[in-house]
């Protein structure tokens, strides 16, 4: 009976350790997911800003009838 109890006790301890390891791994995955979502959001905003800048540059170019505005800035 004692051997059986000891075997069960050891098995329970092993399962608890495995559970803790899996919970730690799950926590790490969730942390990475949060960082990934943050980076994705930042990337989206940067791409939108880039698109807006390209549109503004195009409008400036069109507004000057296709001539560069760099010359006017230097003078």
Protein backbone atom coordinates (compact mmCIF):
# COMPACT_ATOMS: atom_id res chain seq x y z
CA UNK A 1 0.00 0.00 0.00
CA UNK A 2 2.84 2.40 0.89
CA UNK A 3 4.56 1.76 -2.44
CA UNK A 4 1.37 2.50 -4.32
CA UNK A 5 0.85 5.73 -2.37
CA UNK A 6 4.46 6.78 -2.99
CA UNK A 7 4.12 6.05 -6.70
CA UNK A 8 0.92 8.12 -6.86
CA UNK A 9 2.56 10.94 -4.93
CA UNK A 10 5.53 11.00 -7.31
CA UNK A 11 3.24 10.89 -10.33
CA UNK A 12 1.24 13.83 -8.94
CA UNK A 13 4.41 15.85 -8.36
CA UNK A 14 5.59 15.13 -11.89
CA UNK A 15 2.24 16.18 -13.34
CA UNK A 16 2.26 19.40 -11.30
CA UNK A 17 5.74 20.27 -12.59
CA UNK A 18 4.65 19.57 -16.16
CA UNK A 19 1.57 21.73 -15.66
CA UNK A 20 3.71 24.60 -14.36
CA UNK A 21 6.07 24.31 -17.34
CA UNK A 22 3.16 24.33 -19.76
CA UNK A 23 1.58 27.34 -18.02
CA UNK A 24 4.92 29.19 -18.21
CA UNK A 25 5.19 28.37 -21.91
CA UNK A 26 1.62 29.54 -22.49
CA UNK A 27 2.34 32.81 -20.66
CA UNK A 28 5.42 33.39 -22.85
CA UNK A 29 3.36 32.75 -25.98
CA UNK A 30 0.71 35.22 -24.84
CA UNK A 31 3.38 37.84 -24.14
CA UNK A 32 4.78 37.36 -27.65
CA UNK A 33 1.27 37.65 -29.08
CA UNK A 34 0.75 40.98 -27.28
CA UNK A 35 4.07 42.28 -28.63
CA UNK A 36 3.21 41.04 -32.12
CA UNK A 37 -0.15 42.83 -32.04
CA UNK A 38 1.56 46.01 -30.88
CA UNK A 39 4.14 45.83 -33.66
CA UNK A 40 1.39 45.10 -36.18
CA UNK A 41 -0.55 48.14 -35.05
CA UNK A 42 2.55 50.35 -35.20
CA UNK A 43 3.35 49.02 -38.67
CA UNK A 44 -0.19 49.78 -39.85
CA UNK A 45 0.08 53.38 -38.61
CA UNK A 46 3.50 53.83 -40.20
CA UNK A 47 2.25 52.49 -43.54
CA UNK A 48 -0.73 54.83 -43.39
CA UNK A 49 1.56 57.77 -42.61
CA UNK A 50 3.83 56.78 -45.52
CA UNK A 51 0.83 56.60 -47.83
CA UNK A 52 -0.29 60.07 -46.70
CA UNK A 53 3.20 61.49 -47.30
CA UNK A 54 3.33 59.96 -50.77
CA UNK A 55 -0.08 61.46 -51.54
CA UNK A 56 1.05 64.87 -50.27
CA UNK A 57 4.22 64.69 -52.35
CA UNK A 58 2.17 63.80 -55.40
CA UNK A 59 -0.15 66.77 -54.76
CA UNK A 60 2.84 69.13 -54.43
CA UNK A 61 4.31 67.75 -57.66
CA UNK A 62 0.99 68.19 -59.47
CA UNK A 63 0.53 71.66 -57.99
CA UNK A 64 3.79 72.78 -59.54
CA UNK A 65 2.85 71.43 -62.95
CA UNK A 66 5.42 68.68 -62.74
CA UNK A 67 8.33 70.96 -61.80
CA UNK A 68 10.49 70.23 -58.79
CA UNK A 69 9.89 72.39 -55.72
CA UNK A 70 13.48 71.86 -54.54
CA UNK A 71 14.76 74.76 -56.62
CA UNK A 72 12.27 77.18 -55.06
CA UNK A 73 13.31 76.07 -51.57
CA UNK A 74 17.01 76.72 -52.24
CA UNK A 75 16.42 80.30 -53.41
